[in-house]
Amino acid sequence: MEIIPSGIKVQENSIAIVGWDEGGAGQVHSWIEKSSQYHVACFVNISDHPLEIDIKAERAKKQTKLFSFPTKDSFKDKPLITSLNWINVLLDLGIKKVLVMTPDKHQRMANIRQAKEKGFELISAIHSSALVLEDAKIHENVVIYARAFVGYRAEIYPGVFINTGAQIDHHNIIRSCVNIDPGVITAGNVVIDEYAQIHTGAVIINKIKIGANAIIGAGSVVIEDVISDVTVVGVPGRIIKRHKKTEEI
């Protein structure tokens, strides 16, 4: 079932945020219109099923009352489109710019590729309090949250999320759709391959390579290279689990 709310306002600077979770898409919405030249026209739920969230029950689970939940057709007072055919829906609406914030990293990359193939402009969202040095190279569809730091000649590839207060030092290479959680510190010349997840407060010393799909546990200290498709935890970090390889969508 496709839901396309009426009254979606589209301007020359309008974007669609693909995704609807409060901690990601909702948080970015709270500052992107204030700190950039973009107008958020709508959110997108990539599904053939409308959202059915028991807001009262979900609120009861939260300690904070300052939490936004989507309805079937709106989120953060913006229209919420539900459609597997979201690309064509946005094209029909005249929306030319998107920010893909799909939580699943592999799905995010697939959506980025879909949008790029159809000629959409993929925008990045960088919080006004983040510090990105001029020589850093930021690719399309990157999200950099408040007080994050990206150092000299670091390379940040499409679909990367760098969360609050994370520090990405000089000459780092962060490949596509890596998630960097709050408070992570990477020293110089670190390479993190695609789809890796670096959890809160992890520290990676200089000249380390983290393999694709690897997971680094919260608070871990990584002092040697990490192969692909493993989970590493501890001080110093050690492998505790090997994953089945994830096929790209």
Protein backbone atom coordinates (compact mmCIF):
# COMPACT_ATOMS: atom_id res chain seq x y z
CA MET A 1 0.00 0.00 0.00
CA GLU A 2 1.44 3.33 -1.11
CA ILE A 3 0.86 6.52 0.89
CA ILE A 4 1.58 9.88 -0.73
CA PRO A 5 0.28 12.73 1.47
CA SER A 6 -1.32 15.67 -0.26
CA GLY A 7 0.03 19.18 0.04
CA ILE A 8 3.75 18.40 -0.19
CA LYS A 9 5.44 21.75 -0.74
CA VAL A 10 8.38 21.65 -3.14
CA GLN A 11 10.81 24.52 -3.61
CA GLU A 12 13.98 24.82 -5.67
CA ASN A 13 16.04 23.98 -2.58
CA SER A 14 13.81 21.15 -1.35
CA ILE A 15 15.20 17.79 -0.26
CA ALA A 16 13.64 14.50 0.74
CA ILE A 17 15.13 12.67 3.72
CA VAL A 18 14.98 8.94 3.01
CA GLY A 19 14.37 7.39 6.43
CA TRP A 20 12.26 8.35 9.43
CA ASP A 21 13.93 7.19 12.67
CA GLU A 22 14.06 9.90 15.36
CA GLY A 23 17.71 9.42 16.37
CA GLY A 24 18.92 9.75 12.78
CA ALA A 25 16.61 11.41 10.26
CA GLY A 26 14.66 13.24 12.95
CA GLN A 27 17.79 14.63 14.56
CA VAL A 28 19.21 15.84 11.26
CA HIS A 29 15.90 17.49 10.40
CA SER A 30 16.14 19.49 13.65
CA TRP A 31 19.17 21.40 12.35
CA ILE A 32 19.55 21.01 8.61
CA GLU A 33 16.99 23.67 7.70
CA LYS A 34 18.39 26.08 10.30
CA SER A 35 22.05 25.68 9.41
CA SER A 36 21.95 25.14 5.66
CA GLN A 37 20.24 26.30 2.50
CA TYR A 38 17.89 23.31 2.27
CA HIS A 39 14.16 22.95 2.83
CA VAL A 40 12.95 19.50 3.94
CA ALA A 41 9.91 18.71 1.80
CA CYS A 42 9.22 15.24 3.17
CA PHE A 43 10.51 12.04 4.71
CA VAL A 44 10.37 8.66 2.95
CA ASN A 45 9.49 5.26 4.37
CA ILE A 46 10.72 2.68 1.83
CA SER A 47 8.06 0.05 2.28
CA ASP A 48 4.80 -1.24 0.90
CA HIS A 49 3.36 -1.19 4.43
CA PRO A 50 2.39 2.04 6.22
CA LEU A 51 3.87 2.52 9.66
CA GLU A 52 1.69 1.27 12.50
CA ILE A 53 3.28 2.58 15.70
CA ASP A 54 1.43 2.59 19.01
CA ILE A 55 2.68 6.02 20.02
CA LYS A 56 1.18 5.88 23.51
CA ALA A 57 2.85 2.54 24.24
CA GLU A 58 6.17 3.66 22.76
CA ARG A 59 6.15 6.87 24.79
CA ALA A 60 5.64 4.82 27.95
CA LYS A 61 8.92 3.02 27.21
CA LYS A 62 10.89 6.27 26.96
CA GLN A 63 12.29 8.18 29.90
CA THR A 64 12.41 11.34 27.80
CA LYS A 65 9.21 12.98 26.66
CA LEU A 66 11.04 14.87 23.92
CA PHE A 67 10.85 12.07 21.36
CA SER A 68 9.08 12.31 18.01
CA PHE A 69 7.20 9.38 16.51
CA PRO A 70 5.90 9.14 12.95
CA THR A 71 2.28 8.64 12.05
CA LYS A 72 1.18 6.86 8.89
CA ASP A 73 1.61 10.00 6.79
CA SER A 74 3.73 12.50 8.75
CA PHE A 75 6.89 12.90 10.82
CA LYS A 76 8.21 16.02 12.55
CA ASP A 77 5.27 17.96 11.03
CA LYS A 78 6.48 17.01 7.55
CA PRO A 79 4.77 14.65 5.08
CA LEU A 80 5.88 11.02 5.24
CA ILE A 81 5.75 9.10 1.96
CA THR A 82 5.43 5.33 2.12
CA SER A 83 6.38 3.64 -1.15
CA LEU A 84 8.71 1.03 -2.60
CA ASN A 85 8.55 3.14 -5.75
CA TRP A 86 9.88 6.18 -3.86
CA ILE A 87 12.28 7.20 -6.64
CA ASN A 88 9.49 7.80 -9.14
CA VAL A 89 7.26 9.40 -6.50
CA LEU A 90 9.93 12.00 -5.74
CA LEU A 91 10.58 12.59 -9.44
CA ASP A 92 6.86 13.16 -10.03
CA LEU A 93 6.83 15.67 -7.16
CA GLY A 94 9.76 17.55 -8.70
CA ILE A 95 12.14 16.85 -5.81
CA LYS A 96 15.69 16.72 -7.17
CA LYS A 97 17.77 16.39 -3.99
CA VAL A 98 17.84 13.59 -1.42
CA LEU A 99 19.66 12.66 1.77
CA VAL A 100 19.58 8.90 2.30
CA MET A 101 19.52 7.98 6.01
CA THR A 102 18.34 4.38 5.85
CA PRO A 103 19.57 2.76 9.12
CA ASP A 104 20.67 -0.53 7.53
CA LYS A 105 24.10 0.19 6.02
CA HIS A 106 23.77 -2.14 3.01
CA GLN A 107 20.27 -0.88 2.24
CA ARG A 108 21.60 2.68 2.53
CA MET A 109 24.24 2.01 -0.12
CA ALA A 110 21.67 0.42 -2.42
CA ASN A 111 19.39 3.46 -2.02
CA ILE A 112 22.27 5.86 -2.66
CA ARG A 113 23.09 4.01 -5.88
CA GLN A 114 19.43 4.02 -6.95
CA ALA A 115 19.15 7.76 -6.40
CA LYS A 116 22.40 8.50 -8.20
CA GLU A 117 21.42 6.39 -11.21
CA LYS A 118 18.18 8.36 -11.51
CA GLY A 119 19.99 11.69 -11.48
CA PHE A 120 19.21 12.92 -7.97
CA GLU A 121 21.65 15.26 -6.26
CA LEU A 122 22.83 13.52 -3.09
CA ILE A 123 23.46 16.09 -0.39
CA SER A 124 25.52 15.90 2.78
CA ALA A 125 24.43 17.21 6.19
CA ILE A 126 27.17 18.73 8.34
CA HIS A 127 26.22 20.27 11.70
CA SER A 128 27.33 23.87 12.16
CA SER A 129 29.36 22.94 15.27
CA ALA A 130 31.33 20.19 13.50
CA LEU A 131 34.90 21.03 12.54
CA VAL A 132 35.91 19.78 9.10
CA LEU A 133 39.36 20.94 7.99
CA GLU A 134 39.50 22.52 4.55
CA ASP A 135 41.76 19.84 3.07
CA ALA A 136 39.40 17.01 4.07
CA LYS A 137 37.47 15.39 1.22
CA ILE A 138 33.80 14.85 1.99
CA HIS A 139 31.88 12.82 -0.58
CA GLU A 140 28.12 12.96 -1.20
CA ASN A 141 25.48 11.78 1.27
CA VAL A 142 27.66 12.07 4.38
CA VAL A 143 26.19 13.03 7.78
CA ILE A 144 28.46 14.68 10.35
CA TYR A 145 26.83 15.40 13.70
CA ALA A 146 27.48 18.07 16.32
CA ARG A 147 31.04 18.68 17.58
CA ALA A 148 32.58 15.98 15.39
CA PHE A 149 36.06 16.58 13.97
CA VAL A 150 37.39 15.54 10.57
CA GLY A 151 41.10 16.15 10.14
CA TYR A 152 43.60 17.15 7.52
CA ARG A 153 43.18 15.29 4.22
CA ALA A 154 40.80 12.73 5.64
CA GLU A 155 38.57 11.09 3.01
CA ILE A 156 34.96 10.42 3.95
CA TYR A 157 33.05 8.31 1.40
CA PRO A 158 29.30 8.23 0.58
CA GLY A 159 26.84 7.08 3.21
CA VAL A 160 29.17 7.56 6.21
CA PHE A 161 27.62 8.75 9.49
CA ILE A 162 30.04 10.42 11.93
CA ASN A 163 28.23 10.92 15.22
CA THR A 164 28.46 13.46 18.00
CA GLY A 165 31.95 14.29 19.23
CA ALA A 166 33.77 11.68 17.16
CA GLN A 167 37.33 12.51 16.10
CA ILE A 168 38.57 11.40 12.68
CA ASP A 169 42.21 12.41 12.42
CA HIS A 170 44.52 13.23 9.51
CA HIS A 171 44.73 11.07 6.39
CA ASN A 172 41.99 8.70 7.54
CA ILE A 173 40.02 6.89 4.84
CA ILE A 174 36.46 6.07 5.91
CA ARG A 175 34.83 4.05 3.15
CA SER A 176 31.17 3.86 2.17
CA CYS A 177 28.39 3.47 4.74
CA VAL A 178 30.57 3.18 7.83
CA ASN A 179 28.88 4.20 11.08
CA ILE A 180 31.08 6.05 13.58
CA ASP A 181 29.33 6.34 16.96
CA PRO A 182 29.69 9.20 19.48
CA GLY A 183 33.07 9.74 21.09
CA VAL A 184 35.08 7.47 18.78
CA ILE A 185 38.72 8.50 18.28
CA THR A 186 40.77 7.40 15.30
CA ALA A 187 44.42 8.45 15.09
CA GLY A 188 46.23 9.31 11.85
CA ASN A 189 46.34 7.11 8.74
CA VAL A 190 43.52 4.81 9.79
CA VAL A 191 41.50 3.01 7.06
CA ILE A 192 37.99 1.74 7.82
CA ASP A 193 36.44 -0.33 5.05
CA GLU A 194 32.83 -0.26 3.94
CA TYR A 195 29.90 -1.11 6.25
CA ALA A 196 32.02 -1.29 9.41
CA GLN A 197 30.47 -0.22 12.71
CA ILE A 198 32.62 1.56 15.29
CA HIS A 199 30.73 1.78 18.57
CA THR A 200 30.75 4.49 21.21
CA GLY A 201 34.07 5.56 22.67
CA ALA A 202 36.26 3.11 20.74
CA VAL A 203 39.86 4.18 20.15
CA ILE A 204 41.86 3.13 17.08
CA ILE A 205 45.59 3.90 17.09
CA ASN A 206 47.45 5.17 14.03
CA LYS A 207 48.10 3.18 10.84
CA ILE A 208 45.40 0.57 11.55
CA LYS A 209 43.08 -0.96 8.96
CA ILE A 210 39.58 -2.11 9.91
CA GLY A 211 38.06 -4.61 7.47
CA ALA A 212 34.67 -4.46 5.78
CA ASN A 213 31.62 -5.29 7.92
CA ALA A 214 33.74 -5.39 11.07
CA ILE A 215 32.20 -4.34 14.39
CA ILE A 216 34.32 -2.62 17.02
CA GLY A 217 32.70 -2.76 20.47
CA ALA A 218 32.11 0.25 22.69
CA GLY A 219 35.18 1.38 24.58
CA SER A 220 37.52 -0.99 22.76
CA VAL A 221 41.12 -0.02 22.03
CA VAL A 222 42.33 -1.32 18.67
CA ILE A 223 46.11 -1.65 18.37
CA GLU A 224 46.39 -4.03 15.40
CA ASP A 225 44.63 -4.52 12.07
CA VAL A 226 41.14 -6.05 12.13
CA ILE A 227 40.05 -8.45 9.38
CA SER A 228 36.66 -8.24 7.67
CA ASP A 229 33.46 -9.73 9.10
CA VAL A 230 34.44 -9.98 12.77
CA THR A 231 33.47 -8.40 16.09
CA VAL A 232 36.29 -7.00 18.21
CA VAL A 233 35.95 -5.94 21.86
CA GLY A 234 38.19 -5.19 24.82
CA VAL A 235 41.38 -3.42 25.80
CA PRO A 236 43.31 -4.26 23.78
CA GLY A 237 40.73 -5.34 21.23
CA ARG A 238 40.39 -9.02 20.38
CA ILE A 239 38.13 -11.00 18.06
CA ILE A 240 35.18 -12.58 19.86
CA LYS A 241 32.98 -13.44 16.87
CA ARG A 242 33.21 -14.15 13.15
CA HIS A 243 30.24 -13.19 10.97
CA LYS A 244 28.75 -14.72 7.90
CA LYS A 245 29.59 -12.49 4.96
CA THR A 246 26.75 -10.11 4.16
CA GLU A 247 25.72 -10.02 0.53
CA GLU A 248 25.10 -6.56 -0.81
CA ILE A 249 21.49 -5.76 -1.59
